Structure formats: C-alpha cells, structure tokens
Protein backbone atom coordinates (compact mmCIF):
# COMPACT_ATOMS: atom_id res chain seq x y z
CA MET A 1 0.38 -10.49 -1.26
CA ASN A 2 0.92 -13.99 0.04
CA SER A 3 -1.73 -16.27 1.42
CA LYS A 4 -1.63 -17.37 5.03
CA ASN A 5 1.72 -19.08 4.48
CA ASP A 6 3.39 -18.39 7.78
CA ILE A 7 6.81 -16.90 7.12
CA GLU A 8 7.06 -15.63 10.70
CA PRO A 9 5.05 -16.18 13.87
CA LEU A 10 2.57 -13.49 14.89
CA ARG A 11 3.89 -10.64 17.03
CA SER A 12 2.79 -7.21 18.23
CA LEU A 13 3.06 -4.34 15.76
CA SER A 14 6.35 -2.45 15.88
CA LYS A 15 6.13 1.21 16.92
CA GLU A 16 6.69 2.27 13.29
CA GLU A 17 3.99 -0.10 11.96
CA TYR A 18 1.53 1.08 14.62
CA GLU A 19 2.18 4.78 13.89
CA LEU A 20 1.90 4.24 10.13
CA LEU A 21 -1.43 2.43 10.47
CA ARG A 22 -2.72 5.06 12.91
CA TRP A 23 -1.80 7.81 10.42
CA MET A 24 -3.50 5.91 7.58
CA PHE A 25 -6.72 5.59 9.61
CA GLU A 26 -6.68 9.30 10.44
CA HIS A 27 -5.98 10.45 6.87
CA GLY A 28 -7.72 7.78 4.83
CA LEU A 29 -11.18 7.72 3.33
CA GLU A 30 -14.25 7.26 5.54
CA ASP A 31 -14.51 3.49 4.94
CA LEU A 32 -10.91 3.01 6.10
CA ARG A 33 -11.62 4.89 9.32
CA THR A 34 -14.16 2.22 10.29
CA PHE A 35 -11.23 -0.19 10.78
CA ARG A 36 -9.53 2.06 13.38
CA PRO A 37 -10.89 0.12 16.41
CA GLN A 38 -8.95 -2.96 15.21
CA LEU A 39 -5.58 -1.23 15.64
CA GLU A 40 -5.17 -1.97 19.35
CA SER A 41 -5.60 -5.73 18.93
CA ILE A 42 -3.79 -6.40 15.64
CA ARG A 43 -0.99 -8.93 15.59
CA ALA A 44 1.40 -9.05 12.65
CA ALA A 45 3.97 -11.19 10.85
CA ARG A 46 6.20 -10.52 7.90
CA SER A 47 4.40 -11.71 4.79
CA CYS A 48 7.06 -11.56 2.10
CA LYS A 49 10.66 -12.61 1.60
CA CYS A 50 11.55 -10.07 -1.13
CA GLY A 51 12.95 -7.45 1.26
CA CYS A 52 9.84 -5.29 1.55
CA PRO A 53 8.37 -4.53 4.99
CA SER A 54 4.92 -5.95 4.11
CA ILE A 55 3.10 -7.67 6.96
CA ARG A 56 0.05 -9.87 7.22
CA LEU A 57 -2.37 -8.71 9.87
CA ASP A 58 -4.33 -10.85 12.28
CA VAL A 59 -7.40 -9.33 13.90
CA PRO A 60 -8.80 -11.45 16.72
CA VAL A 61 -12.31 -12.87 16.63
CA GLY A 62 -14.62 -10.50 18.47
CA ALA A 63 -12.77 -7.34 17.46
CA PRO A 64 -14.99 -4.66 15.89
CA GLN A 65 -15.37 -5.12 12.17
CA GLY A 66 -14.77 -2.38 9.64
CA LYS A 67 -17.05 -1.61 6.72
CA ASP A 68 -16.88 -4.36 4.11
CA ALA A 69 -17.99 -2.61 0.93
CA GLY A 70 -16.78 -5.45 -1.25
CA GLU A 71 -13.46 -3.75 -1.97
CA THR A 72 -10.38 -5.69 -0.97
CA ILE A 73 -8.15 -2.58 -0.82
CA VAL A 74 -9.35 -0.12 1.80
CA GLY A 75 -6.30 2.15 1.87
CA ASP A 76 -4.03 3.35 -0.95
CA PHE A 77 -1.13 5.64 -0.10
CA ALA A 78 2.36 6.56 -1.26
CA GLY A 79 5.40 7.88 0.56
CA LYS A 80 9.18 7.89 0.70
CA THR A 81 11.45 5.83 2.88
CA GLN A 82 14.23 7.31 4.98
CA ARG A 83 16.58 6.65 2.02
CA GLY A 84 14.24 8.53 -0.36
CA GLU A 85 12.76 5.48 -2.11
CA LEU A 86 9.23 5.99 -3.45
CA VAL A 87 6.91 3.29 -2.13
CA GLY A 88 3.24 2.47 -2.40
CA VAL A 89 1.30 1.34 0.66
CA LEU A 90 -1.87 -0.73 0.37
CA LEU A 91 -4.11 -1.87 3.20
CA PHE A 92 -6.28 -4.92 2.50
CA GLN A 93 -9.39 -6.22 4.25
CA LYS A 94 -11.54 -9.31 3.98
CA ALA A 95 -14.99 -9.62 5.55
CA GLY A 96 -14.47 -6.50 7.67
CA ARG A 97 -11.07 -7.53 9.06
CA LEU A 98 -7.71 -6.07 8.10
CA ILE A 99 -5.51 -8.79 6.59
CA GLU A 100 -2.43 -7.20 4.99
CA LEU A 101 -0.29 -4.07 4.92
CA GLU A 102 1.63 -4.20 1.65
CA VAL A 103 4.56 -1.87 1.02
CA TYR A 104 6.05 -2.02 -2.47
CA SER A 105 8.68 -0.17 -4.48
CA VAL A 106 7.00 2.04 -7.06
CA ASP A 107 9.89 2.17 -9.50
CA GLY A 108 12.24 -0.60 -8.35
CA GLN A 109 14.90 1.96 -7.46
CA ILE A 110 15.91 0.51 -4.10
CA LYS A 111 19.06 2.19 -2.82
CA GLY A 112 21.97 0.34 -1.25
CA ASP A 113 23.43 -3.14 -1.59
CA SER A 114 20.29 -4.98 -0.51
CA SER A 115 16.76 -5.40 -1.85
CA GLU A 116 15.43 -4.52 1.62
CA PHE A 117 13.75 -1.21 2.29
CA GLY A 118 11.80 0.30 5.14
CA LEU A 119 8.42 1.78 5.85
CA PRO A 120 7.69 5.24 4.48
CA LEU A 121 8.20 8.29 6.66
CA ILE A 122 4.83 9.54 7.90
CA GLU A 123 5.60 13.12 6.90
CA SER A 124 6.01 11.94 3.28
CA MET A 125 2.70 10.06 3.09
CA THR A 126 -0.02 10.94 0.57
CA LEU A 127 -3.50 9.48 0.18
CA ILE A 128 -3.87 8.31 -3.42
CA VAL A 129 -7.06 9.63 -5.03
CA TRP A 130 -8.75 7.67 -7.83
CA GLU A 131 -11.38 8.88 -10.29
CA PRO A 132 -13.40 7.11 -12.97
CA ILE A 133 -12.12 7.17 -16.54
CA PRO A 134 -14.79 8.70 -18.81
CA GLY A 135 -16.43 6.07 -20.98
CA ARG A 136 -14.92 3.21 -18.95
CA PRO A 137 -17.00 2.87 -15.77
CA GLU A 138 -15.05 -0.18 -14.56
CA ALA A 139 -11.69 1.62 -14.76
CA LYS A 140 -10.12 4.34 -12.60
CA LYS A 141 -6.99 6.47 -12.75
CA SER A 142 -4.97 8.12 -10.03
CA THR A 143 -5.13 11.89 -9.95
CA ASN A 144 -2.18 12.49 -7.62
CA PHE A 145 0.27 9.58 -7.55
CA PRO A 146 3.70 11.09 -6.73
CA LYS A 147 6.66 10.72 -9.04
CA ASN A 148 10.14 9.79 -7.91
CA GLU A 149 12.45 12.72 -8.43
C-alpha cells in the first residue's frame, strides 16, 4: 500500500469498483458494514504501478465515519479474476475513513503477457475468516483461505 503519493488524480469509482465495495459491505463483518454510508461519496485513484487494480480511497470531510476499532484492515476477502487468477482483497481504514482497496495476487500466477490483472468476480468472492492460534494470543490463522487450483 502506497502513501498519499498521487499516481493518478481522484475520480469517481468505476462500476466494477463500486459493485465490489458494495458486495464487501453486505458480506463483511459487522465493523465493515459501518463504513457502508461512505460508499456514495468515495473518490478513488490508482495507488500502485505494479499492474494490480488497487486504489486509494478518498472520503470527504463530513461523511459518516465507520467504526475505528484500532484495526487498519476492516475487510479481508479472496476471489478469482475473469482469467481465473486467485487474488486477495483488503480494505483499509484510518480514523473511521476508508483509505485503500488493495487487490493482490495470492500466488503470483498472473496469466497473459502482462503483469496487469483485474478485480475479482463478485460471484467468486469469499470472506476470509481468522481465528486465534492456541497459545499465541497475538497471532491468528485463516480457516478458509481458498487455494488456486
């Protein structure tokens, strides 16, 4: 995740970005749902030059704030792109405002001649569930992260 280095100017969310975020709010954990009112006013800009579709998010001053429970990541999902690439999707917040939608290759197996890949298909999305590791209260493990087959 980059800092506020402007790679692109702010713009409205694309239809695909909007629908992905809407789905994440509807299917995410309760804390993530508190950020749903920000969706209508979010502006976005590409945040990375690696070929991923990650975007930084800009929520205007005065927009309703989501629950800031001290966690930076408020949404953790996985899915597959149209080309079948397994990707992780993280949604970050800071001080009750969404700041980044990060989409990353899980296994580096990007198909085609380019390092670019797209957003995951909504029908392939899965909420990633984490549970504590016994004897290590500061550590967690995923119970359902999908594997690329």
